[in-house]
Amino acid sequence: MDMAMKLGSSSAVVIFTKSSCCISHSIETLIRSFGANPIVYELDTHPNGKQMEKALMELGCEPSVPAIFIGKELVGGANEIMSLNVRGKLKQLLIRAKAIWV
């Protein structure tokens, strides 16, 4: 769990994905559309991917991907990100995390 939390807090926006997950790709595209440049860890290609996936599940991520950290805090998965976006709060969260400036 420590490794996932450490990596998740290493940048303004961190996304844990799997290369075959189309929802993960959609969430990454959405976040990039605001001008953010997230760090992306693909768990199925990362040497410690299985351990990180287990740690994310222990943190409450079901399913384990996508798991999104913004501002060094676990925001959640696709449902949480889409909900924030629909309510107009995702951009504000990215600004507060200094992932984007305008």
PDB file of N, CA and C in Angstrom:
ATOM      1  N   MET A   1       0.831  -1.190   0.000  1.00  0.00           N
ATOM      2  CA  MET A   1       0.000   0.000   0.000  1.00  0.00           C
ATOM      3  C   MET A   1       0.870   1.246   0.000  1.00  0.00           C
ATOM      4  N   ASP A   2       2.003   1.188   0.699  1.00  0.00           N
ATOM      5  CA  ASP A   2       2.891   2.346   0.773  1.00  0.00           C
ATOM      6  C   ASP A   2       3.390   2.763  -0.607  1.00  0.00           C
ATOM      7  N   MET A   3       3.717   1.794  -1.464  1.00  0.00           N
ATOM      8  CA  MET A   3       4.239   2.111  -2.783  1.00  0.00           C
ATOM      9  C   MET A   3       3.169   2.832  -3.622  1.00  0.00           C
ATOM     10  N   ALA A   4       1.946   2.359  -3.599  1.00  0.00           N
ATOM     11  CA  ALA A   4       0.867   2.993  -4.361  1.00  0.00           C
ATOM     12  C   ALA A   4       0.617   4.402  -3.846  1.00  0.00           C
ATOM     13  N   MET A   5       0.607   4.598  -2.543  1.00  0.00           N
ATOM     14  CA  MET A   5       0.394   5.929  -1.965  1.00  0.00           C
ATOM     15  C   MET A   5       1.564   6.855  -2.306  1.00  0.00           C
ATOM     16  N   LYS A   6       2.781   6.323  -2.237  1.00  0.00           N
ATOM     17  CA  LYS A   6       3.959   7.139  -2.546  1.00  0.00           C
ATOM     18  C   LYS A   6       3.942   7.580  -4.009  1.00  0.00           C
ATOM     19  N   LEU A   7       3.659   6.652  -4.913  1.00  0.00           N
ATOM     20  CA  LEU A   7       3.585   6.999  -6.327  1.00  0.00           C
ATOM     21  C   LEU A   7       2.405   7.926  -6.595  1.00  0.00           C
ATOM     22  N   GLY A   8       1.290   7.691  -5.911  1.00  0.00           N
ATOM     23  CA  GLY A   8       0.106   8.517  -6.094  1.00  0.00           C
ATOM     24  C   GLY A   8       0.301   9.950  -5.659  1.00  0.00           C
ATOM     25  N   SER A   9       1.200  10.160  -4.733  1.00  0.00           N
ATOM     26  CA  SER A   9       1.443  11.524  -4.254  1.00  0.00           C
ATOM     27  C   SER A   9       2.700  12.140  -4.866  1.00  0.00           C
ATOM     28  N   SER A  10       3.230  11.512  -5.913  1.00  0.00           N
ATOM     29  CA  SER A  10       4.482  11.982  -6.513  1.00  0.00           C
ATOM     30  C   SER A  10       4.288  13.117  -7.515  1.00  0.00           C
ATOM     31  N   SER A  11       3.054  13.400  -7.884  1.00  0.00           N
ATOM     32  CA  SER A  11       2.782  14.432  -8.876  1.00  0.00           C
ATOM     33  C   SER A  11       1.390  14.997  -8.637  1.00  0.00           C
ATOM     34  N   ALA A  12       1.070  16.098  -9.317  1.00  0.00           N
ATOM     35  CA  ALA A  12      -0.243  16.724  -9.142  1.00  0.00           C
ATOM     36  C   ALA A  12      -1.379  15.792  -9.556  1.00  0.00           C
ATOM     37  N   VAL A  13      -1.164  15.011 -10.625  1.00  0.00           N
ATOM     38  CA  VAL A  13      -2.172  14.044 -11.075  1.00  0.00           C
ATOM     39  C   VAL A  13      -1.471  12.740 -11.419  1.00  0.00           C
ATOM     40  N   VAL A  14      -1.939  11.657 -10.823  1.00  0.00           N
ATOM     41  CA  VAL A  14      -1.390  10.327 -11.092  1.00  0.00           C
ATOM     42  C   VAL A  14      -2.565   9.396 -11.377  1.00  0.00           C
ATOM     43  N   ILE A  15      -2.441   8.633 -12.453  1.00  0.00           N
ATOM     44  CA  ILE A  15      -3.491   7.690 -12.835  1.00  0.00           C
ATOM     45  C   ILE A  15      -2.892   6.294 -12.902  1.00  0.00           C
ATOM     46  N   PHE A  16      -3.511   5.360 -12.204  1.00  0.00           N
ATOM     47  CA  PHE A  16      -3.142   3.950 -12.295  1.00  0.00           C
ATOM     48  C   PHE A  16      -4.120   3.302 -13.259  1.00  0.00           C
ATOM     49  N   THR A  17      -3.580   2.640 -14.292  1.00  0.00           N
ATOM     50  CA  THR A  17      -4.414   2.068 -15.342  1.00  0.00           C
ATOM     51  C   THR A  17      -3.939   0.662 -15.681  1.00  0.00           C
ATOM     52  N   LYS A  18      -4.611   0.088 -16.648  1.00  0.00           N
ATOM     53  CA  LYS A  18      -4.133  -1.102 -17.345  1.00  0.00           C
ATOM     54  C   LYS A  18      -4.206  -0.773 -18.825  1.00  0.00           C
ATOM     55  N   SER A  19      -3.256  -1.259 -19.585  1.00  0.00           N
ATOM     56  CA  SER A  19      -3.171  -0.895 -21.000  1.00  0.00           C
ATOM     57  C   SER A  19      -4.402  -1.331 -21.786  1.00  0.00           C
ATOM     58  N   SER A  20      -5.123  -2.324 -21.311  1.00  0.00           N
ATOM     59  CA  SER A  20      -6.284  -2.834 -22.036  1.00  0.00           C
ATOM     60  C   SER A  20      -7.602  -2.201 -21.578  1.00  0.00           C
ATOM     61  N   CYS A  21      -7.541  -1.261 -20.641  1.00  0.00           N
ATOM     62  CA  CYS A  21      -8.762  -0.691 -20.056  1.00  0.00           C
ATOM     63  C   CYS A  21      -9.186   0.569 -20.810  1.00  0.00           C
ATOM     64  N   CYS A  22     -10.296   0.479 -21.546  1.00  0.00           N
ATOM     65  CA  CYS A  22     -10.757   1.629 -22.327  1.00  0.00           C
ATOM     66  C   CYS A  22     -11.289   2.748 -21.428  1.00  0.00           C
ATOM     67  N   ILE A  23     -11.828   2.418 -20.278  1.00  0.00           N
ATOM     68  CA  ILE A  23     -12.307   3.442 -19.347  1.00  0.00           C
ATOM     69  C   ILE A  23     -11.121   4.246 -18.819  1.00  0.00           C
ATOM     70  N   SER A  24     -10.027   3.568 -18.506  1.00  0.00           N
ATOM     71  CA  SER A  24      -8.817   4.262 -18.055  1.00  0.00           C
ATOM     72  C   SER A  24      -8.343   5.243 -19.117  1.00  0.00           C
ATOM     73  N   HIS A  25      -8.361   4.809 -20.365  1.00  0.00           N
ATOM     74  CA  HIS A  25      -7.933   5.681 -21.457  1.00  0.00           C
ATOM     75  C   HIS A  25      -8.855   6.901 -21.554  1.00  0.00           C
ATOM     76  N   SER A  26     -10.148   6.682 -21.391  1.00  0.00           N
ATOM     77  CA  SER A  26     -11.110   7.789 -21.459  1.00  0.00           C
ATOM     78  C   SER A  26     -10.889   8.797 -20.337  1.00  0.00           C
ATOM     79  N   ILE A  27     -10.619   8.305 -19.141  1.00  0.00           N
ATOM     80  CA  ILE A  27     -10.375   9.196 -17.997  1.00  0.00           C
ATOM     81  C   ILE A  27      -9.085   9.976 -18.213  1.00  0.00           C
ATOM     82  N   GLU A  28      -8.060   9.309 -18.695  1.00  0.00           N
ATOM     83  CA  GLU A  28      -6.790  10.001 -18.985  1.00  0.00           C
ATOM     84  C   GLU A  28      -7.010  11.091 -20.033  1.00  0.00           C
ATOM     85  N   THR A  29      -7.771  10.782 -21.072  1.00  0.00           N
ATOM     86  CA  THR A  29      -8.067  11.758 -22.124  1.00  0.00           C
ATOM     87  C   THR A  29      -8.842  12.943 -21.569  1.00  0.00           C
ATOM     88  N   LEU A  30      -9.813  12.685 -20.708  1.00  0.00           N
ATOM     89  CA  LEU A  30     -10.591  13.754 -20.084  1.00  0.00           C
ATOM     90  C   LEU A  30      -9.680  14.683 -19.283  1.00  0.00           C
ATOM     91  N   ILE A  31      -8.834  14.126 -18.460  1.00  0.00           N
ATOM     92  CA  ILE A  31      -7.945  14.936 -17.619  1.00  0.00           C
ATOM     93  C   ILE A  31      -6.965  15.728 -18.489  1.00  0.00           C
ATOM     94  N   ARG A  32      -6.452  15.114 -19.530  1.00  0.00           N
ATOM     95  CA  ARG A  32      -5.545  15.821 -20.446  1.00  0.00           C
ATOM     96  C   ARG A  32      -6.272  16.941 -21.185  1.00  0.00           C
ATOM     97  N   SER A  33      -7.572  16.790 -21.411  1.00  0.00           N
ATOM     98  CA  SER A  33      -8.325  17.817 -22.141  1.00  0.00           C
ATOM     99  C   SER A  33      -8.367  19.146 -21.380  1.00  0.00           C
ATOM    100  N   PHE A  34      -8.142  19.111 -20.080  1.00  0.00           N
ATOM    101  CA  PHE A  34      -8.072  20.338 -19.285  1.00  0.00           C
ATOM    102  C   PHE A  34      -6.676  20.955 -19.329  1.00  0.00           C
ATOM    103  N   GLY A  35      -5.720  20.239 -19.908  1.00  0.00           N
ATOM    104  CA  GLY A  35      -4.346  20.735 -19.995  1.00  0.00           C
ATOM    105  C   GLY A  35      -3.415  20.119 -18.967  1.00  0.00           C
ATOM    106  N   ALA A  36      -3.928  19.197 -18.172  1.00  0.00           N
ATOM    107  CA  ALA A  36      -3.092  18.521 -17.177  1.00  0.00           C
ATOM    108  C   ALA A  36      -2.214  17.477 -17.866  1.00  0.00           C
ATOM    109  N   ASN A  37      -1.096  17.179 -17.252  1.00  0.00           N
ATOM    110  CA  ASN A  37      -0.166  16.181 -17.766  1.00  0.00           C
ATOM    111  C   ASN A  37       0.057  15.119 -16.686  1.00  0.00           C
ATOM    112  N   PRO A  38      -0.865  14.169 -16.586  1.00  0.00           N
ATOM    113  CA  PRO A  38      -0.760  13.184 -15.499  1.00  0.00           C
ATOM    114  C   PRO A  38       0.384  12.200 -15.717  1.00  0.00           C
ATOM    115  N   ILE A  39       0.877  11.695 -14.606  1.00  0.00           N
ATOM    116  CA  ILE A  39       1.788  10.550 -14.660  1.00  0.00           C
ATOM    117  C   ILE A  39       0.893   9.320 -14.690  1.00  0.00           C
ATOM    118  N   VAL A  40       1.158   8.418 -15.614  1.00  0.00           N
ATOM    119  CA  VAL A  40       0.317   7.235 -15.790  1.00  0.00           C
ATOM    120  C   VAL A  40       1.141   5.982 -15.522  1.00  0.00           C
ATOM    121  N   TYR A  41       0.635   5.135 -14.635  1.00  0.00           N
ATOM    122  CA  TYR A  41       1.265   3.847 -14.354  1.00  0.00           C
ATOM    123  C   TYR A  41       0.345   2.751 -14.866  1.00  0.00           C
ATOM    124  N   GLU A  42       0.819   1.993 -15.844  1.00  0.00           N
ATOM    125  CA  GLU A  42       0.051   0.865 -16.356  1.00  0.00           C
ATOM    126  C   GLU A  42       0.438  -0.367 -15.545  1.00  0.00           C
ATOM    127  N   LEU A  43      -0.489  -0.820 -14.732  1.00  0.00           N
ATOM    128  CA  LEU A  43      -0.190  -1.889 -13.778  1.00  0.00           C
ATOM    129  C   LEU A  43       0.143  -3.211 -14.453  1.00  0.00           C
ATOM    130  N   ASP A  44      -0.407  -3.460 -15.643  1.00  0.00           N
ATOM    131  CA  ASP A  44      -0.123  -4.727 -16.317  1.00  0.00           C
ATOM    132  C   ASP A  44       1.253  -4.762 -16.975  1.00  0.00           C
ATOM    133  N   THR A  45       1.939  -3.618 -17.026  1.00  0.00           N
ATOM    134  CA  THR A  45       3.291  -3.602 -17.591  1.00  0.00           C
ATOM    135  C   THR A  45       4.335  -3.177 -16.566  1.00  0.00           C
ATOM    136  N   HIS A  46       3.914  -2.707 -15.417  1.00  0.00           N
ATOM    137  CA  HIS A  46       4.835  -2.259 -14.372  1.00  0.00           C
ATOM    138  C   HIS A  46       5.377  -3.468 -13.615  1.00  0.00           C
ATOM    139  N   PRO A  47       6.672  -3.481 -13.278  1.00  0.00           N
ATOM    140  CA  PRO A  47       7.250  -4.633 -12.568  1.00  0.00           C
ATOM    141  C   PRO A  47       6.555  -4.948 -11.242  1.00  0.00           C
ATOM    142  N   ASN A  48       6.064  -3.937 -10.552  1.00  0.00           N
ATOM    143  CA  ASN A  48       5.371  -4.157  -9.276  1.00  0.00           C
ATOM    144  C   ASN A  48       3.866  -3.958  -9.406  1.00  0.00           C
ATOM    145  N   GLY A  49       3.354  -4.138 -10.612  1.00  0.00           N
ATOM    146  CA  GLY A  49       1.950  -3.874 -10.890  1.00  0.00           C
ATOM    147  C   GLY A  49       0.976  -4.674 -10.052  1.00  0.00           C
ATOM    148  N   LYS A  50       1.242  -5.944  -9.870  1.00  0.00           N
ATOM    149  CA  LYS A  50       0.333  -6.794  -9.076  1.00  0.00           C
ATOM    150  C   LYS A  50       0.247  -6.304  -7.634  1.00  0.00           C
ATOM    151  N   GLN A  51       1.389  -5.948  -7.065  1.00  0.00           N
ATOM    152  CA  GLN A  51       1.406  -5.434  -5.692  1.00  0.00           C
ATOM    153  C   GLN A  51       0.654  -4.118  -5.594  1.00  0.00           C
ATOM    154  N   MET A  52       0.858  -3.237  -6.571  1.00  0.00           N
ATOM    155  CA  MET A  52       0.172  -1.942  -6.553  1.00  0.00           C
ATOM    156  C   MET A  52      -1.331  -2.120  -6.740  1.00  0.00           C
ATOM    157  N   GLU A  53      -1.727  -3.057  -7.598  1.00  0.00           N
ATOM    158  CA  GLU A  53      -3.152  -3.314  -7.799  1.00  0.00           C
ATOM    159  C   GLU A  53      -3.798  -3.795  -6.502  1.00  0.00           C
ATOM    160  N   LYS A  54      -3.114  -4.675  -5.805  1.00  0.00           N
ATOM    161  CA  LYS A  54      -3.620  -5.161  -4.525  1.00  0.00           C
ATOM    162  C   LYS A  54      -3.735  -4.011  -3.525  1.00  0.00           C
ATOM    163  N   ALA A  55      -2.727  -3.149  -3.489  1.00  0.00           N
ATOM    164  CA  ALA A  55      -2.740  -2.012  -2.569  1.00  0.00           C
ATOM    165  C   ALA A  55      -3.889  -1.060  -2.890  1.00  0.00           C
ATOM    166  N   LEU A  56      -4.143  -0.816  -4.170  1.00  0.00           N
ATOM    167  CA  LEU A  56      -5.246   0.066  -4.556  1.00  0.00           C
ATOM    168  C   LEU A  56      -6.586  -0.526  -4.137  1.00  0.00           C
ATOM    169  N   MET A  57      -6.723  -1.827  -4.254  1.00  0.00           N
ATOM    170  CA  MET A  57      -7.954  -2.486  -3.812  1.00  0.00           C
ATOM    171  C   MET A  57      -8.121  -2.365  -2.302  1.00  0.00           C
ATOM    172  N   GLU A  58      -7.017  -2.448  -1.573  1.00  0.00           N
ATOM    173  CA  GLU A  58      -7.069  -2.281  -0.115  1.00  0.00           C
ATOM    174  C   GLU A  58      -7.468  -0.859   0.264  1.00  0.00           C
ATOM    175  N   LEU A  59      -7.157   0.115  -0.612  1.00  0.00           N
ATOM    176  CA  LEU A  59      -7.538   1.499  -0.371  1.00  0.00           C
ATOM    177  C   LEU A  59      -8.998   1.765  -0.730  1.00  0.00           C
ATOM    178  N   GLY A  60      -9.659   0.752  -1.299  1.00  0.00           N
ATOM    179  CA  GLY A  60     -11.076   0.886  -1.619  1.00  0.00           C
ATOM    180  C   GLY A  60     -11.390   1.049  -3.085  1.00  0.00           C
ATOM    181  N   CYS A  61     -10.404   0.899  -3.951  1.00  0.00           N
ATOM    182  CA  CYS A  61     -10.644   1.025  -5.389  1.00  0.00           C
ATOM    183  C   CYS A  61     -11.209  -0.285  -5.924  1.00  0.00           C
ATOM    184  N   GLU A  62     -12.463  -0.280  -6.289  1.00  0.00           N
ATOM    185  CA  GLU A  62     -13.133  -1.442  -6.871  1.00  0.00           C
ATOM    186  C   GLU A  62     -13.887  -0.992  -8.092  1.00  0.00           C
ATOM    187  N   PRO A  63     -13.510  -1.319  -9.278  1.00  0.00           N
ATOM    188  CA  PRO A  63     -12.338  -2.095  -9.656  1.00  0.00           C
ATOM    189  C   PRO A  63     -11.051  -1.318  -9.380  1.00  0.00           C
ATOM    190  N   SER A  64      -9.941  -2.010  -9.501  1.00  0.00           N
ATOM    191  CA  SER A  64      -8.661  -1.397  -9.127  1.00  0.00           C
ATOM    192  C   SER A  64      -8.221  -0.292 -10.074  1.00  0.00           C
ATOM    193  N   VAL A  65      -8.672  -0.328 -11.327  1.00  0.00           N
ATOM    194  CA  VAL A  65      -8.308   0.721 -12.284  1.00  0.00           C
ATOM    195  C   VAL A  65      -9.555   1.217 -12.995  1.00  0.00           C
ATOM    196  N   PRO A  66      -9.585   2.458 -13.393  1.00  0.00           N
ATOM    197  CA  PRO A  66      -8.573   3.457 -13.110  1.00  0.00           C
ATOM    198  C   PRO A  66      -8.663   3.930 -11.665  1.00  0.00           C
ATOM    199  N   ALA A  67      -7.523   4.282 -11.107  1.00  0.00           N
ATOM    200  CA  ALA A  67      -7.448   4.895  -9.779  1.00  0.00           C
ATOM    201  C   ALA A  67      -6.730   6.228  -9.972  1.00  0.00           C
ATOM    202  N   ILE A  68      -7.362   7.294  -9.531  1.00  0.00           N
ATOM    203  CA  ILE A  68      -6.839   8.626  -9.816  1.00  0.00           C
ATOM    204  C   ILE A  68      -6.515   9.368  -8.527  1.00  0.00           C
ATOM    205  N   PHE A  69      -5.289   9.861  -8.466  1.00  0.00           N
ATOM    206  CA  PHE A  69      -4.842  10.726  -7.386  1.00  0.00           C
ATOM    207  C   PHE A  69      -4.740  12.137  -7.948  1.00  0.00           C
ATOM    208  N   ILE A  70      -5.342  13.095  -7.267  1.00  0.00           N
ATOM    209  CA  ILE A  70      -5.214  14.502  -7.643  1.00  0.00           C
ATOM    210  C   ILE A  70      -4.837  15.265  -6.390  1.00  0.00           C
ATOM    211  N   GLY A  71      -3.778  16.062  -6.493  1.00  0.00           N
ATOM    212  CA  GLY A  71      -3.335  16.818  -5.327  1.00  0.00           C
ATOM    213  C   GLY A  71      -2.874  15.927  -4.196  1.00  0.00           C
ATOM    214  N   LYS A  72      -2.242  14.821  -4.558  1.00  0.00           N
ATOM    215  CA  LYS A  72      -1.667  13.867  -3.602  1.00  0.00           C
ATOM    216  C   LYS A  72      -2.706  13.124  -2.779  1.00  0.00           C
ATOM    217  N   GLU A  73      -3.968  13.158  -3.214  1.00  0.00           N
ATOM    218  CA  GLU A  73      -5.031  12.428  -2.523  1.00  0.00           C
ATOM    219  C   GLU A  73      -5.761  11.525  -3.500  1.00  0.00           C
ATOM    220  N   LEU A  74      -6.153  10.358  -3.021  1.00  0.00           N
ATOM    221  CA  LEU A  74      -6.922   9.439  -3.839  1.00  0.00           C
ATOM    222  C   LEU A  74      -8.325  10.000  -4.028  1.00  0.00           C
ATOM    223  N   VAL A  75      -8.670  10.324  -5.270  1.00  0.00           N
ATOM    224  CA  VAL A  75     -10.004  10.830  -5.583  1.00  0.00           C
ATOM    225  C   VAL A  75     -10.945   9.656  -5.790  1.00  0.00           C
ATOM    226  N   GLY A  76     -10.456   8.608  -6.411  1.00  0.00           N
ATOM    227  CA  GLY A  76     -11.270   7.424  -6.661  1.00  0.00           C
ATOM    228  C   GLY A  76     -11.079   6.920  -8.064  1.00  0.00           C
ATOM    229  N   GLY A  77     -12.161   6.376  -8.614  1.00  0.00           N
ATOM    230  CA  GLY A  77     -12.112   5.793  -9.942  1.00  0.00           C
ATOM    231  C   GLY A  77     -12.867   6.613 -10.962  1.00  0.00           C
ATOM    232  N   ALA A  78     -13.273   5.942 -12.021  1.00  0.00           N
ATOM    233  CA  ALA A  78     -13.949   6.615 -13.134  1.00  0.00           C
ATOM    234  C   ALA A  78     -15.246   7.280 -12.691  1.00  0.00           C
ATOM    235  N   ASN A  79     -16.032   6.623 -11.846  1.00  0.00           N
ATOM    236  CA  ASN A  79     -17.304   7.208 -11.413  1.00  0.00           C
ATOM    237  C   ASN A  79     -17.100   8.528 -10.695  1.00  0.00           C
ATOM    238  N   GLU A  80     -16.118   8.590  -9.826  1.00  0.00           N
ATOM    239  CA  GLU A  80     -15.864   9.821  -9.072  1.00  0.00           C
ATOM    240  C   GLU A  80     -15.383  10.944  -9.988  1.00  0.00           C
ATOM    241  N   ILE A  81     -14.504  10.606 -10.933  1.00  0.00           N
ATOM    242  CA  ILE A  81     -13.990  11.622 -11.854  1.00  0.00           C
ATOM    243  C   ILE A  81     -15.113  12.138 -12.754  1.00  0.00           C
ATOM    244  N   MET A  82     -15.927  11.250 -13.280  1.00  0.00           N
ATOM    245  CA  MET A  82     -17.029  11.681 -14.145  1.00  0.00           C
ATOM    246  C   MET A  82     -18.040  12.513 -13.363  1.00  0.00           C
ATOM    247  N   SER A  83     -18.302  12.142 -12.132  1.00  0.00           N
ATOM    248  CA  SER A  83     -19.223  12.910 -11.294  1.00  0.00           C
ATOM    249  C   SER A  83     -18.684  14.320 -11.042  1.00  0.00           C
ATOM    250  N   LEU A  84     -17.409  14.419 -10.717  1.00  0.00           N
ATOM    251  CA  LEU A  84     -16.787  15.732 -10.527  1.00  0.00           C
ATOM    252  C   LEU A  84     -16.880  16.564 -11.800  1.00  0.00           C
ATOM    253  N   ASN A  85     -16.648  15.932 -12.937  1.00  0.00           N
ATOM    254  CA  ASN A  85     -16.690  16.653 -14.198  1.00  0.00           C
ATOM    255  C   ASN A  85     -18.105  17.147 -14.505  1.00  0.00           C
ATOM    256  N   VAL A  86     -19.098  16.302 -14.320  1.00  0.00           N
ATOM    257  CA  VAL A  86     -20.485  16.675 -14.595  1.00  0.00           C
ATOM    258  C   VAL A  86     -20.922  17.831 -13.698  1.00  0.00           C
ATOM    259  N   ARG A  87     -20.452  17.832 -12.458  1.00  0.00           N
ATOM    260  CA  ARG A  87     -20.818  18.896 -11.518  1.00  0.00           C
ATOM    261  C   ARG A  87     -19.944  20.146 -11.681  1.00  0.00           C
ATOM    262  N   GLY A  88     -18.992  20.110 -12.637  1.00  0.00           N
ATOM    263  CA  GLY A  88     -18.136  21.264 -12.883  1.00  0.00           C
ATOM    264  C   GLY A  88     -17.051  21.460 -11.844  1.00  0.00           C
ATOM    265  N   LYS A  89     -16.714  20.411 -11.117  1.00  0.00           N
ATOM    266  CA  LYS A  89     -15.730  20.534 -10.039  1.00  0.00           C
ATOM    267  C   LYS A  89     -14.366  19.944 -10.361  1.00  0.00           C
ATOM    268  N   LEU A  90     -14.266  19.200 -11.456  1.00  0.00           N
ATOM    269  CA  LEU A  90     -12.984  18.577 -11.794  1.00  0.00           C
ATOM    270  C   LEU A  90     -11.940  19.636 -12.123  1.00  0.00           C
ATOM    271  N   LYS A  91     -12.308  20.617 -12.926  1.00  0.00           N
ATOM    272  CA  LYS A  91     -11.360  21.664 -13.301  1.00  0.00           C
ATOM    273  C   LYS A  91     -10.857  22.402 -12.070  1.00  0.00           C
ATOM    274  N   GLN A  92     -11.753  22.726 -11.138  1.00  0.00           N
ATOM    275  CA  GLN A  92     -11.354  23.423  -9.913  1.00  0.00           C
ATOM    276  C   GLN A  92     -10.395  22.576  -9.083  1.00  0.00           C
ATOM    277  N   LEU A  93     -10.648  21.282  -9.038  1.00  0.00           N
ATOM    278  CA  LEU A  93      -9.767  20.379  -8.297  1.00  0.00           C
ATOM    279  C   LEU A  93      -8.383  20.336  -8.936  1.00  0.00           C
ATOM    280  N   LEU A  94      -8.330  20.309 -10.261  1.00  0.00           N
ATOM    281  CA  LEU A  94      -7.046  20.309 -10.967  1.00  0.00           C
ATOM    282  C   LEU A  94      -6.294  21.620 -10.750  1.00  0.00           C
ATOM    283  N   ILE A  95      -7.028  22.731 -10.698  1.00  0.00           N
ATOM    284  CA  ILE A  95      -6.390  24.030 -10.439  1.00  0.00           C
ATOM    285  C   ILE A  95      -5.822  24.063  -9.024  1.00  0.00           C
ATOM    286  N   ARG A  96      -6.592  23.610  -8.042  1.00  0.00           N
ATOM    287  CA  ARG A  96      -6.109  23.599  -6.651  1.00  0.00           C
ATOM    288  C   ARG A  96      -4.887  22.719  -6.486  1.00  0.00           C
ATOM    289  N   ALA A  97      -4.822  21.640  -7.253  1.00  0.00           N
ATOM    290  CA  ALA A  97      -3.675  20.718  -7.179  1.00  0.00           C
ATOM    291  C   ALA A  97      -2.479  21.236  -7.967  1.00  0.00           C
ATOM    292  N   LYS A  98      -2.661  22.400  -8.640  1.00  0.00           N
ATOM    293  CA  LYS A  98      -1.624  22.986  -9.487  1.00  0.00           C
ATOM    294  C   LYS A  98      -1.254  22.100 -10.665  1.00  0.00           C
ATOM    295  N   ALA A  99      -2.244  21.332 -11.114  1.00  0.00           N
ATOM    296  CA  ALA A  99      -2.056  20.510 -12.314  1.00  0.00           C
ATOM    297  C   ALA A  99      -2.322  21.332 -13.558  1.00  0.00           C
ATOM    298  N   ILE A 100      -3.151  22.376 -13.403  1.00  0.00           N
ATOM    299  CA  ILE A 100      -3.405  23.333 -14.474  1.00  0.00           C
ATOM    300  C   ILE A 100      -3.449  24.718 -13.844  1.00  0.00           C
ATOM    301  N   TRP A 101      -3.330  25.731 -14.674  1.00  0.00           N
ATOM    302  CA  TRP A 101      -3.278  27.090 -14.129  1.00  0.00           C
ATOM    303  C   TRP A 101      -4.496  27.925 -14.486  1.00  0.00           C
ATOM    304  N   VAL A 102      -5.184  27.614 -15.554  1.00  0.00           N
ATOM    305  CA  VAL A 102      -6.346  28.412 -15.957  1.00  0.00           C
ATOM    306  C   VAL A 102      -7.519  27.522 -16.243  1.00  0.00           C
TER     307      VAL A 102
END
